[in-house]
PDB file of all heavy atoms in Angstrom:
ATOM      1  N   GLY A   1     108.010  82.060 125.085  1.00  0.00           N
ATOM      2  CA  GLY A   1     109.297  82.054 124.267  1.00  0.00           C
ATOM      3  C   GLY A   1     109.080  82.824 122.946  1.00  0.00           C
ATOM      4  O   GLY A   1     110.011  82.776 122.062  1.00  0.00           O
ATOM      5  N   VAL A   2     107.871  83.326 122.673  1.00  0.00           N
ATOM      6  CA  VAL A   2     107.652  84.174 121.491  1.00  0.00           C
ATOM      7  C   VAL A   2     107.290  85.581 121.872  1.00  0.00           C
ATOM      8  O   VAL A   2     106.423  85.810 122.788  1.00  0.00           O
ATOM      9  CB  VAL A   2     106.430  83.506 120.685  1.00  0.00           C
ATOM     10  CG1 VAL A   2     106.092  84.414 119.483  1.00  0.00           C
ATOM     11  CG2 VAL A   2     106.864  82.133 120.158  1.00  0.00           C
ATOM     12  N   TRP A   3     107.880  86.565 121.292  1.00  0.00           N
ATOM     13  CA  TRP A   3     107.687  87.910 121.383  1.00  0.00           C
ATOM     14  C   TRP A   3     107.150  88.519 120.038  1.00  0.00           C
ATOM     15  O   TRP A   3     107.234  87.793 119.118  1.00  0.00           O
ATOM     16  CB  TRP A   3     108.863  88.703 121.903  1.00  0.00           C
ATOM     17  CG  TRP A   3     109.289  88.433 123.346  1.00  0.00           C
ATOM     18  CD1 TRP A   3     108.875  89.228 124.419  1.00  0.00           C
ATOM     19  CD2 TRP A   3     109.967  87.349 123.820  1.00  0.00           C
ATOM     20  NE1 TRP A   3     109.307  88.622 125.494  1.00  0.00           N
ATOM     21  CE2 TRP A   3     109.986  87.445 125.192  1.00  0.00           C
ATOM     22  CE3 TRP A   3     110.507  86.218 123.280  1.00  0.00           C
ATOM     23  CZ2 TRP A   3     110.681  86.535 126.146  1.00  0.00           C
ATOM     24  CZ3 TRP A   3     111.068  85.191 124.148  1.00  0.00           C
ATOM     25  CH2 TRP A   3     111.194  85.419 125.470  1.00  0.00           C
ATOM     26  N   ALA A   4     106.685  89.690 120.058  1.00  0.00           N
ATOM     27  CA  ALA A   4     106.067  90.232 118.781  1.00  0.00           C
ATOM     28  C   ALA A   4     106.719  91.656 118.428  1.00  0.00           C
ATOM     29  O   ALA A   4     107.198  92.416 119.303  1.00  0.00           O
ATOM     30  CB  ALA A   4     104.642  90.364 118.874  1.00  0.00           C
ATOM     31  N   ALA A   5     106.678  91.937 117.124  1.00  0.00           N
ATOM     32  CA  ALA A   5     106.968  93.248 116.607  1.00  0.00           C
ATOM     33  C   ALA A   5     105.728  93.856 115.835  1.00  0.00           C
ATOM     34  O   ALA A   5     105.235  92.979 115.070  1.00  0.00           O
ATOM     35  CB  ALA A   5     108.243  93.291 115.785  1.00  0.00           C
ATOM     36  N   ALA A   6     105.472  95.032 115.839  1.00  0.00           N
ATOM     37  CA  ALA A   6     104.391  95.576 115.125  1.00  0.00           C
ATOM     38  C   ALA A   6     104.915  96.642 114.189  1.00  0.00           C
ATOM     39  O   ALA A   6     105.586  97.597 114.579  1.00  0.00           O
ATOM     40  CB  ALA A   6     103.317  96.147 116.226  1.00  0.00           C
ATOM     41  N   GLY A   7     104.458  96.567 112.960  1.00  0.00           N
ATOM     42  CA  GLY A   7     104.751  97.582 111.894  1.00  0.00           C
ATOM     43  C   GLY A   7     104.220  97.238 110.558  1.00  0.00           C
ATOM     44  O   GLY A   7     103.470  96.304 110.404  1.00  0.00           O
ATOM     45  N   SER A   8     104.377  98.123 109.638  1.00  0.00           N
ATOM     46  CA  SER A   8     103.860  98.046 108.246  1.00  0.00           C
ATOM     47  C   SER A   8     104.982  97.942 107.193  1.00  0.00           C
ATOM     48  O   SER A   8     105.808  99.051 107.073  1.00  0.00           O
ATOM     49  CB  SER A   8     102.875  99.133 107.983  1.00  0.00           C
ATOM     50  OG  SER A   8     102.293  98.978 106.721  1.00  0.00           O
ATOM     51  N   HIS A   9     105.187  96.902 106.609  1.00  0.00           N
ATOM     52  CA  HIS A   9     106.136  96.669 105.574  1.00  0.00           C
ATOM     53  C   HIS A   9     105.992  97.796 104.298  1.00  0.00           C
ATOM     54  O   HIS A   9     104.808  98.179 104.191  1.00  0.00           O
ATOM     55  CB  HIS A   9     105.839  95.241 104.993  1.00  0.00           C
ATOM     56  CG  HIS A   9     106.921  94.714 104.087  1.00  0.00           C
ATOM     57  ND1 HIS A   9     107.151  95.153 102.803  1.00  0.00           N
ATOM     58  CD2 HIS A   9     107.978  93.738 104.332  1.00  0.00           C
ATOM     59  CE1 HIS A   9     108.186  94.454 102.183  1.00  0.00           C
ATOM     60  NE2 HIS A   9     108.616  93.590 103.167  1.00  0.00           N
ATOM     61  N   PRO A  10     107.129  98.067 103.747  1.00  0.00           N
ATOM     62  CA  PRO A  10     106.926  99.045 102.711  1.00  0.00           C
ATOM     63  C   PRO A  10     106.086  98.653 101.570  1.00  0.00           C
ATOM     64  O   PRO A  10     105.373  99.602 100.922  1.00  0.00           O
ATOM     65  CB  PRO A  10     108.370  99.213 102.167  1.00  0.00           C
ATOM     66  CG  PRO A  10     109.208  98.074 102.789  1.00  0.00           C
ATOM     67  CD  PRO A  10     108.496  97.808 104.103  1.00  0.00           C
ATOM     68  N   HIS A  11     105.806  97.366 101.337  1.00  0.00           N
ATOM     69  CA  HIS A  11     104.929  96.975 100.335  1.00  0.00           C
ATOM     70  C   HIS A  11     103.413  97.314 100.651  1.00  0.00           C
ATOM     71  O   HIS A  11     102.450  97.447  99.886  1.00  0.00           O
ATOM     72  CB  HIS A  11     104.850  95.380 100.115  1.00  0.00           C
ATOM     73  CG  HIS A  11     106.115  94.818  99.538  1.00  0.00           C
ATOM     74  ND1 HIS A  11     106.999  95.542  98.809  1.00  0.00           N
ATOM     75  CD2 HIS A  11     106.662  93.560  99.516  1.00  0.00           C
ATOM     76  CE1 HIS A  11     108.006  94.800  98.363  1.00  0.00           C
ATOM     77  NE2 HIS A  11     107.761  93.562  98.777  1.00  0.00           N
ATOM     78  N   GLU A  12     103.238  97.570 101.980  1.00  0.00           N
ATOM     79  CA  GLU A  12     101.864  97.951 102.492  1.00  0.00           C
ATOM     80  C   GLU A  12     101.743  99.442 102.698  1.00  0.00           C
ATOM     81  O   GLU A  12     100.768  99.842 103.335  1.00  0.00           O
ATOM     82  CB  GLU A  12     101.604  97.192 103.833  1.00  0.00           C
ATOM     83  CG  GLU A  12     101.703  95.682 103.803  1.00  0.00           C
ATOM     84  CD  GLU A  12     100.541  95.158 103.065  1.00  0.00           C
ATOM     85  OE1 GLU A  12      99.392  95.722 103.175  1.00  0.00           O
ATOM     86  OE2 GLU A  12     100.725  94.075 102.406  1.00  0.00           O
ATOM     87  N   ALA A  13     102.520 100.198 102.197  1.00  0.00           N
ATOM     88  CA  ALA A  13     102.557 101.716 102.362  1.00  0.00           C
ATOM     89  C   ALA A  13     101.213 102.365 101.968  1.00  0.00           C
ATOM     90  O   ALA A  13     100.738 103.165 102.736  1.00  0.00           O
ATOM     91  CB  ALA A  13     103.712 102.336 101.672  1.00  0.00           C
ATOM     92  N   GLU A  14     100.623 101.987 100.856  1.00  0.00           N
ATOM     93  CA  GLU A  14      99.438 102.636 100.484  1.00  0.00           C
ATOM     94  C   GLU A  14      98.238 102.274 101.543  1.00  0.00           C
ATOM     95  O   GLU A  14      97.458 103.219 101.763  1.00  0.00           O
ATOM     96  CB  GLU A  14      99.004 102.117  99.126  1.00  0.00           C
ATOM     97  CG  GLU A  14      99.968 102.596  97.948  1.00  0.00           C
ATOM     98  CD  GLU A  14      99.491 102.183  96.612  1.00  0.00           C
ATOM     99  OE1 GLU A  14      99.830 101.015  96.223  1.00  0.00           O
ATOM    100  OE2 GLU A  14      98.893 102.998  95.845  1.00  0.00           O
ATOM    101  N   HIS A  15      98.203 101.090 101.938  1.00  0.00           N
ATOM    102  CA  HIS A  15      97.227 100.612 102.806  1.00  0.00           C
ATOM    103  C   HIS A  15      97.367 101.357 104.220  1.00  0.00           C
ATOM    104  O   HIS A  15      96.374 101.787 104.756  1.00  0.00           O
ATOM    105  CB  HIS A  15      97.264  99.098 103.110  1.00  0.00           C
ATOM    106  CG  HIS A  15      96.918  98.378 101.853  1.00  0.00           C
ATOM    107  ND1 HIS A  15      95.804  98.309 101.278  1.00  0.00           N
ATOM    108  CD2 HIS A  15      97.761  97.656 101.118  1.00  0.00           C
ATOM    109  CE1 HIS A  15      95.745  97.513 100.090  1.00  0.00           C
ATOM    110  NE2 HIS A  15      97.020  97.000 100.072  1.00  0.00           N
ATOM    111  N   PHE A  16      98.630 101.497 104.600  1.00  0.00           N
ATOM    112  CA  PHE A  16      98.901 102.183 105.923  1.00  0.00           C
ATOM    113  C   PHE A  16      98.453 103.579 105.797  1.00  0.00           C
ATOM    114  O   PHE A  16      97.811 104.182 106.692  1.00  0.00           O
ATOM    115  CB  PHE A  16     100.349 102.045 106.225  1.00  0.00           C
ATOM    116  CG  PHE A  16     100.755 102.640 107.570  1.00  0.00           C
ATOM    117  CD1 PHE A  16     100.680 101.936 108.672  1.00  0.00           C
ATOM    118  CD2 PHE A  16     101.268 103.974 107.616  1.00  0.00           C
ATOM    119  CE1 PHE A  16     101.014 102.526 109.932  1.00  0.00           C
ATOM    120  CE2 PHE A  16     101.563 104.551 108.908  1.00  0.00           C
ATOM    121  CZ  PHE A  16     101.487 103.702 109.952  1.00  0.00           C
ATOM    122  N   LEU A  17      98.868 104.203 104.663  1.00  0.00           N
ATOM    123  CA  LEU A  17      98.434 105.721 104.559  1.00  0.00           C
ATOM    124  C   LEU A  17      96.919 105.975 104.378  1.00  0.00           C
ATOM    125  O   LEU A  17      96.549 107.051 104.788  1.00  0.00           O
ATOM    126  CB  LEU A  17      99.213 106.298 103.340  1.00  0.00           C
ATOM    127  CG  LEU A  17     100.667 106.284 103.545  1.00  0.00           C
ATOM    128  CD1 LEU A  17     101.341 106.803 102.202  1.00  0.00           C
ATOM    129  CD2 LEU A  17     101.243 107.187 104.689  1.00  0.00           C
ATOM    130  N   LYS A  18      96.247 105.141 103.862  1.00  0.00           N
ATOM    131  CA  LYS A  18      94.814 105.285 103.583  1.00  0.00           C
ATOM    132  C   LYS A  18      94.031 105.028 104.877  1.00  0.00           C
ATOM    133  O   LYS A  18      92.933 105.649 104.996  1.00  0.00           O
ATOM    134  CB  LYS A  18      94.388 104.238 102.517  1.00  0.00           C
ATOM    135  CG  LYS A  18      94.803 104.429 101.134  1.00  0.00           C
ATOM    136  CD  LYS A  18      94.199 103.431 100.184  1.00  0.00           C
ATOM    137  CE  LYS A  18      94.622 103.693  98.712  1.00  0.00           C
ATOM    138  NZ  LYS A  18      94.099 102.636  97.863  1.00  0.00           N
ATOM    139  N   LYS A  19      94.538 104.397 105.867  1.00  0.00           N
ATOM    140  CA  LYS A  19      93.803 104.217 107.135  1.00  0.00           C
ATOM    141  C   LYS A  19      94.075 105.361 108.030  1.00  0.00           C
ATOM    142  O   LYS A  19      95.162 105.631 108.541  1.00  0.00           O
ATOM    143  CB  LYS A  19      94.259 102.921 107.774  1.00  0.00           C
ATOM    144  CG  LYS A  19      93.460 102.559 108.964  1.00  0.00           C
ATOM    145  CD  LYS A  19      93.771 101.105 109.580  1.00  0.00           C
ATOM    146  CE  LYS A  19      92.797 100.789 110.654  1.00  0.00           C
ATOM    147  NZ  LYS A  19      93.016  99.476 111.187  1.00  0.00           N
ATOM    148  N   LYS A  20      92.992 106.240 108.396  1.00  0.00           N
ATOM    149  CA  LYS A  20      93.090 107.353 109.109  1.00  0.00           C
ATOM    150  C   LYS A  20      93.666 107.111 110.490  1.00  0.00           C
ATOM    151  O   LYS A  20      94.278 107.990 111.088  1.00  0.00           O
ATOM    152  CB  LYS A  20      91.723 108.109 109.075  1.00  0.00           C
ATOM    153  CG  LYS A  20      91.309 108.605 107.787  1.00  0.00           C
ATOM    154  CD  LYS A  20      90.050 109.233 107.924  1.00  0.00           C
ATOM    155  CE  LYS A  20      89.498 109.827 106.476  1.00  0.00           C
ATOM    156  NZ  LYS A  20      88.108 110.546 106.590  1.00  0.00           N
ATOM    157  N   THR A  21      93.393 105.974 111.025  1.00  0.00           N
ATOM    158  CA  THR A  21      93.840 105.726 112.378  1.00  0.00           C
ATOM    159  C   THR A  21      95.221 104.835 112.564  1.00  0.00           C
ATOM    160  O   THR A  21      95.446 104.420 113.575  1.00  0.00           O
ATOM    161  CB  THR A  21      92.775 104.931 113.179  1.00  0.00           C
ATOM    162  OG1 THR A  21      92.507 103.674 112.463  1.00  0.00           O
ATOM    163  CG2 THR A  21      91.381 105.697 113.201  1.00  0.00           C
ATOM    164  N   ALA A  22      95.794 104.758 111.444  1.00  0.00           N
ATOM    165  CA  ALA A  22      97.044 103.888 111.325  1.00  0.00           C
ATOM    166  C   ALA A  22      98.150 104.231 112.378  1.00  0.00           C
ATOM    167  O   ALA A  22      98.546 103.377 113.050  1.00  0.00           O
ATOM    168  CB  ALA A  22      97.611 103.798 109.988  1.00  0.00           C
ATOM    169  N   VAL A  23      98.411 105.524 112.464  1.00  0.00           N
ATOM    170  CA  VAL A  23      99.416 105.943 113.419  1.00  0.00           C
ATOM    171  C   VAL A  23      99.011 105.669 114.822  1.00  0.00           C
ATOM    172  O   VAL A  23      99.913 105.115 115.631  1.00  0.00           O
ATOM    173  CB  VAL A  23      99.795 107.432 113.111  1.00  0.00           C
ATOM    174  CG1 VAL A  23     100.699 107.910 114.284  1.00  0.00           C
ATOM    175  CG2 VAL A  23     100.480 107.620 111.818  1.00  0.00           C
ATOM    176  N   ASN A  24      97.837 106.076 115.158  1.00  0.00           N
ATOM    177  CA  ASN A  24      97.360 105.773 116.529  1.00  0.00           C
ATOM    178  C   ASN A  24      97.275 104.277 116.834  1.00  0.00           C
ATOM    179  O   ASN A  24      97.640 103.832 117.924  1.00  0.00           O
ATOM    180  CB  ASN A  24      95.923 106.483 116.719  1.00  0.00           C
ATOM    181  CG  ASN A  24      95.457 106.170 118.094  1.00  0.00           C
ATOM    182  OD1 ASN A  24      95.985 106.888 119.073  1.00  0.00           O
ATOM    183  ND2 ASN A  24      94.440 105.456 118.272  1.00  0.00           N
ATOM    184  N   ASP A  25      96.833 103.533 115.745  1.00  0.00           N
ATOM    185  CA  ASP A  25      96.712 102.060 115.954  1.00  0.00           C
ATOM    186  C   ASP A  25      98.110 101.448 116.201  1.00  0.00           C
ATOM    187  O   ASP A  25      98.223 100.634 117.154  1.00  0.00           O
ATOM    188  CB  ASP A  25      96.143 101.408 114.712  1.00  0.00           C
ATOM    189  CG  ASP A  25      94.645 101.699 114.617  1.00  0.00           C
ATOM    190  OD1 ASP A  25      94.013 102.373 115.537  1.00  0.00           O
ATOM    191  OD2 ASP A  25      94.120 101.347 113.511  1.00  0.00           O
ATOM    192  N   LEU A  26      99.111 101.938 115.530  1.00  0.00           N
ATOM    193  CA  LEU A  26     100.471 101.453 115.710  1.00  0.00           C
ATOM    194  C   LEU A  26     100.978 101.808 117.143  1.00  0.00           C
ATOM    195  O   LEU A  26     101.531 100.977 117.762  1.00  0.00           O
ATOM    196  CB  LEU A  26     101.378 102.029 114.657  1.00  0.00           C
ATOM    197  CG  LEU A  26     102.760 101.617 114.735  1.00  0.00           C
ATOM    198  CD1 LEU A  26     103.051 100.059 114.748  1.00  0.00           C
ATOM    199  CD2 LEU A  26     103.730 102.201 113.708  1.00  0.00           C
TER     200      LEU A  26
END
């Protein structure tokens, strides 16, 4: 009964951009 969504909140933008593998990981 539980499903998931994956993404990065705008507050986390700097962390997302700093991680070189972020796009591939997502």
